[in-house]
């Protein structure tokens, strides 16, 4: 199945890109390790949220398609949860 990504996820990833560039700038400027790590933690948190959003969007699309076909959706939910667990 092809996934349609909405503008919200694209914006999230562009913000992430900006955050990573900001961390690189901090490193080039010789900023304090604690500050760099704090920013990297923010990047990780934003990445986790983006992944969860993408999985949720995909799950919603898959459930709607399978429900329309009259199929059980339990396996889809299990697969989505496993994907999120693996991403950590």
N, C-alpha and C. Protein backbone atom coordinates (compact mmCIF):
# COMPACT_ATOMS: atom_id res chain seq x y z
N UNK A 1 0.84 -1.19 0.00
CA UNK A 1 0.00 0.00 0.00
C UNK A 1 0.89 1.25 0.00
N UNK A 2 0.55 2.18 -0.86
CA UNK A 2 1.27 3.45 -0.87
C UNK A 2 0.73 4.36 0.22
N UNK A 3 1.63 5.02 0.89
CA UNK A 3 1.27 5.88 2.00
C UNK A 3 1.20 7.32 1.50
N UNK A 4 0.17 8.03 1.88
CA UNK A 4 0.05 9.45 1.57
C UNK A 4 0.43 10.23 2.81
N UNK A 5 1.52 10.98 2.73
CA UNK A 5 1.98 11.77 3.87
C UNK A 5 1.40 13.17 3.75
N UNK A 6 0.80 13.66 4.82
CA UNK A 6 0.20 14.98 4.77
C UNK A 6 1.22 16.07 5.10
N UNK A 7 0.79 17.31 4.95
CA UNK A 7 1.69 18.45 5.19
C UNK A 7 2.19 18.50 6.62
N UNK A 8 1.39 18.00 7.56
CA UNK A 8 1.79 18.03 8.96
C UNK A 8 3.07 17.24 9.19
N UNK A 9 3.16 16.05 8.61
CA UNK A 9 4.36 15.23 8.80
C UNK A 9 5.56 15.86 8.09
N UNK A 10 5.33 16.46 6.95
CA UNK A 10 6.42 17.13 6.23
C UNK A 10 6.95 18.30 7.07
N UNK A 11 6.05 19.07 7.67
CA UNK A 11 6.47 20.18 8.53
C UNK A 11 7.27 19.67 9.73
N UNK A 12 6.80 18.57 10.33
CA UNK A 12 7.52 18.00 11.47
C UNK A 12 8.95 17.64 11.08
N UNK A 13 9.11 17.01 9.92
CA UNK A 13 10.44 16.59 9.49
C UNK A 13 11.32 17.78 9.12
N UNK A 14 10.74 18.83 8.58
CA UNK A 14 11.52 20.03 8.28
C UNK A 14 11.99 20.71 9.56
N UNK A 15 11.13 20.69 10.59
CA UNK A 15 11.56 21.23 11.89
C UNK A 15 12.70 20.41 12.46
N UNK A 16 12.60 19.09 12.31
CA UNK A 16 13.67 18.20 12.77
C UNK A 16 14.98 18.52 12.05
N UNK A 17 14.88 18.72 10.75
CA UNK A 17 16.06 19.07 9.96
C UNK A 17 16.70 20.35 10.49
N UNK A 18 15.87 21.33 10.81
CA UNK A 18 16.37 22.58 11.37
C UNK A 18 17.02 22.38 12.73
N UNK A 19 16.42 21.50 13.54
CA UNK A 19 16.99 21.22 14.86
C UNK A 19 18.37 20.57 14.72
N UNK A 20 18.50 19.64 13.79
CA UNK A 20 19.79 18.97 13.60
C UNK A 20 20.83 19.98 13.12
N UNK A 21 20.44 20.85 12.21
CA UNK A 21 21.37 21.89 11.75
C UNK A 21 21.79 22.79 12.91
N UNK A 22 20.83 23.07 13.79
CA UNK A 22 21.14 23.88 14.97
C UNK A 22 22.15 23.20 15.87
N UNK A 23 22.02 21.89 16.04
CA UNK A 23 22.98 21.14 16.86
C UNK A 23 24.36 21.19 16.20
N UNK A 24 24.40 21.01 14.90
CA UNK A 24 25.69 21.09 14.19
C UNK A 24 26.33 22.46 14.37
N UNK A 25 25.53 23.51 14.29
CA UNK A 25 26.06 24.87 14.51
C UNK A 25 26.59 25.02 15.92
N UNK A 26 25.86 24.49 16.88
CA UNK A 26 26.32 24.56 18.27
C UNK A 26 27.68 23.88 18.42
N UNK A 27 27.82 22.73 17.77
CA UNK A 27 29.08 21.98 17.86
C UNK A 27 30.21 22.76 17.20
N UNK A 28 29.92 23.36 16.04
CA UNK A 28 30.94 24.16 15.34
C UNK A 28 31.36 25.36 16.16
N UNK A 29 30.43 25.90 16.95
CA UNK A 29 30.72 27.06 17.80
C UNK A 29 31.35 26.65 19.12
N UNK A 30 31.50 25.34 19.34
CA UNK A 30 32.12 24.87 20.57
C UNK A 30 31.25 25.04 21.80
N UNK A 31 29.94 24.97 21.61
CA UNK A 31 29.03 25.13 22.75
C UNK A 31 29.22 24.02 23.78
N UNK A 32 28.75 24.28 24.96
CA UNK A 32 28.85 23.37 26.09
C UNK A 32 28.21 22.02 25.76
N UNK A 33 28.86 20.95 26.18
CA UNK A 33 28.39 19.58 25.95
C UNK A 33 26.96 19.40 26.46
N UNK A 34 26.69 19.94 27.63
CA UNK A 34 25.36 19.81 28.24
C UNK A 34 24.28 20.41 27.34
N UNK A 35 24.58 21.56 26.74
CA UNK A 35 23.62 22.23 25.86
C UNK A 35 23.41 21.43 24.57
N UNK A 36 24.49 20.89 24.03
CA UNK A 36 24.40 20.08 22.81
C UNK A 36 23.56 18.83 23.07
N UNK A 37 23.83 18.17 24.18
CA UNK A 37 23.10 16.95 24.51
C UNK A 37 21.62 17.28 24.75
N UNK A 38 21.33 18.41 25.37
CA UNK A 38 19.94 18.81 25.59
C UNK A 38 19.22 19.00 24.25
N UNK A 39 19.90 19.60 23.30
CA UNK A 39 19.30 19.79 21.98
C UNK A 39 19.12 18.46 21.26
N UNK A 40 20.10 17.57 21.40
CA UNK A 40 19.97 16.25 20.79
C UNK A 40 18.81 15.47 21.40
N UNK A 41 18.59 15.65 22.68
CA UNK A 41 17.45 15.02 23.34
C UNK A 41 16.14 15.55 22.76
N UNK A 42 16.10 16.85 22.48
CA UNK A 42 14.91 17.44 21.86
C UNK A 42 14.70 16.88 20.46
N UNK A 43 15.79 16.66 19.72
CA UNK A 43 15.71 16.06 18.39
C UNK A 43 15.14 14.65 18.49
N UNK A 44 15.64 13.88 19.45
CA UNK A 44 15.16 12.51 19.63
C UNK A 44 13.67 12.50 19.96
N UNK A 45 13.25 13.39 20.84
CA UNK A 45 11.84 13.47 21.21
C UNK A 45 10.97 13.83 20.01
N UNK A 46 11.42 14.79 19.22
CA UNK A 46 10.67 15.19 18.03
C UNK A 46 10.63 14.06 17.01
N UNK A 47 11.72 13.31 16.90
CA UNK A 47 11.77 12.16 15.99
C UNK A 47 10.78 11.10 16.43
N UNK A 48 10.75 10.80 17.72
CA UNK A 48 9.81 9.82 18.26
C UNK A 48 8.37 10.23 17.96
N UNK A 49 8.06 11.51 18.14
CA UNK A 49 6.71 11.99 17.88
C UNK A 49 6.36 11.89 16.40
N UNK A 50 7.33 12.20 15.53
CA UNK A 50 7.09 12.10 14.09
C UNK A 50 6.83 10.65 13.69
N UNK A 51 7.62 9.72 14.24
CA UNK A 51 7.41 8.30 13.94
C UNK A 51 6.04 7.84 14.41
N UNK A 52 5.66 8.23 15.61
CA UNK A 52 4.36 7.84 16.14
C UNK A 52 3.23 8.39 15.28
N UNK A 53 3.39 9.62 14.83
CA UNK A 53 2.37 10.23 13.97
C UNK A 53 2.25 9.47 12.65
N UNK A 54 3.39 9.12 12.05
CA UNK A 54 3.38 8.39 10.79
C UNK A 54 2.74 7.02 10.97
N UNK A 55 3.09 6.32 12.03
CA UNK A 55 2.51 5.00 12.29
C UNK A 55 1.00 5.13 12.51
N UNK A 56 0.58 6.14 13.24
CA UNK A 56 -0.85 6.33 13.50
C UNK A 56 -1.62 6.62 12.21
N UNK A 57 -1.04 7.47 11.36
CA UNK A 57 -1.68 7.76 10.07
C UNK A 57 -1.81 6.50 9.23
N UNK A 58 -0.73 5.73 9.17
CA UNK A 58 -0.73 4.50 8.39
C UNK A 58 -1.76 3.51 8.96
N UNK A 59 -1.77 3.38 10.27
CA UNK A 59 -2.70 2.46 10.91
C UNK A 59 -4.14 2.85 10.59
N UNK A 60 -4.44 4.13 10.67
CA UNK A 60 -5.79 4.58 10.36
C UNK A 60 -6.18 4.22 8.92
N UNK A 61 -5.29 4.48 7.98
CA UNK A 61 -5.57 4.15 6.58
C UNK A 61 -5.78 2.65 6.39
N UNK A 62 -4.91 1.86 7.00
CA UNK A 62 -5.01 0.41 6.86
C UNK A 62 -6.29 -0.14 7.48
N UNK A 63 -6.64 0.36 8.65
CA UNK A 63 -7.86 -0.11 9.32
C UNK A 63 -9.09 0.22 8.47
N UNK A 64 -9.14 1.43 7.93
CA UNK A 64 -10.28 1.80 7.09
C UNK A 64 -10.39 0.89 5.87
N UNK A 65 -9.25 0.60 5.24
CA UNK A 65 -9.25 -0.27 4.06
C UNK A 65 -9.68 -1.69 4.42
N UNK A 66 -9.13 -2.23 5.49
CA UNK A 66 -9.45 -3.60 5.88
C UNK A 66 -10.89 -3.72 6.37
N UNK A 67 -11.35 -2.70 7.08
CA UNK A 67 -12.74 -2.69 7.57
C UNK A 67 -13.70 -2.69 6.39
N UNK A 68 -13.38 -1.89 5.36
CA UNK A 68 -14.23 -1.83 4.17
C UNK A 68 -14.30 -3.18 3.47
N UNK A 69 -13.23 -3.96 3.58
CA UNK A 69 -13.20 -5.30 2.97
C UNK A 69 -13.84 -6.34 3.88
N UNK A 70 -14.18 -5.94 5.09
CA UNK A 70 -14.78 -6.87 6.04
C UNK A 70 -13.76 -7.74 6.75
N UNK A 71 -12.50 -7.34 6.72
CA UNK A 71 -11.42 -8.12 7.35
C UNK A 71 -11.18 -7.68 8.79
N UNK A 72 -10.58 -8.57 9.56
CA UNK A 72 -10.19 -8.29 10.94
C UNK A 72 -9.02 -7.32 10.94
N UNK A 73 -9.01 -6.39 11.88
CA UNK A 73 -7.95 -5.38 11.94
C UNK A 73 -7.01 -5.57 13.13
N UNK A 74 -7.23 -6.60 13.91
CA UNK A 74 -6.40 -6.83 15.10
C UNK A 74 -4.92 -6.97 14.78
N UNK A 75 -4.61 -7.67 13.69
CA UNK A 75 -3.20 -7.88 13.32
C UNK A 75 -2.54 -6.56 12.94
N UNK A 76 -3.31 -5.65 12.35
CA UNK A 76 -2.76 -4.34 11.98
C UNK A 76 -2.34 -3.55 13.21
N UNK A 77 -3.19 -3.58 14.22
CA UNK A 77 -2.89 -2.86 15.46
C UNK A 77 -1.64 -3.47 16.10
N UNK A 78 -1.58 -4.78 16.14
CA UNK A 78 -0.41 -5.45 16.72
C UNK A 78 0.86 -5.07 15.95
N UNK A 79 0.79 -5.06 14.63
CA UNK A 79 1.95 -4.70 13.82
C UNK A 79 2.39 -3.26 14.08
N UNK A 80 1.44 -2.35 14.23
CA UNK A 80 1.76 -0.94 14.50
C UNK A 80 2.44 -0.80 15.85
N UNK A 81 1.93 -1.48 16.86
CA UNK A 81 2.54 -1.43 18.19
C UNK A 81 3.96 -1.98 18.15
N UNK A 82 4.15 -3.10 17.45
CA UNK A 82 5.49 -3.69 17.33
C UNK A 82 6.44 -2.75 16.61
N UNK A 83 5.96 -2.05 15.60
CA UNK A 83 6.80 -1.09 14.87
C UNK A 83 7.24 0.04 15.79
N UNK A 84 6.34 0.53 16.61
CA UNK A 84 6.70 1.58 17.56
C UNK A 84 7.70 1.09 18.61
N UNK A 85 7.51 -0.13 19.07
CA UNK A 85 8.43 -0.71 20.06
C UNK A 85 9.82 -0.86 19.46
N UNK A 86 9.89 -1.35 18.22
CA UNK A 86 11.19 -1.52 17.55
C UNK A 86 11.90 -0.21 17.32
N UNK A 87 11.12 0.86 17.14
CA UNK A 87 11.73 2.18 16.85
C UNK A 87 12.43 2.76 18.06
N UNK A 88 12.20 2.20 19.22
CA UNK A 88 12.84 2.69 20.45
C UNK A 88 14.08 1.91 20.64
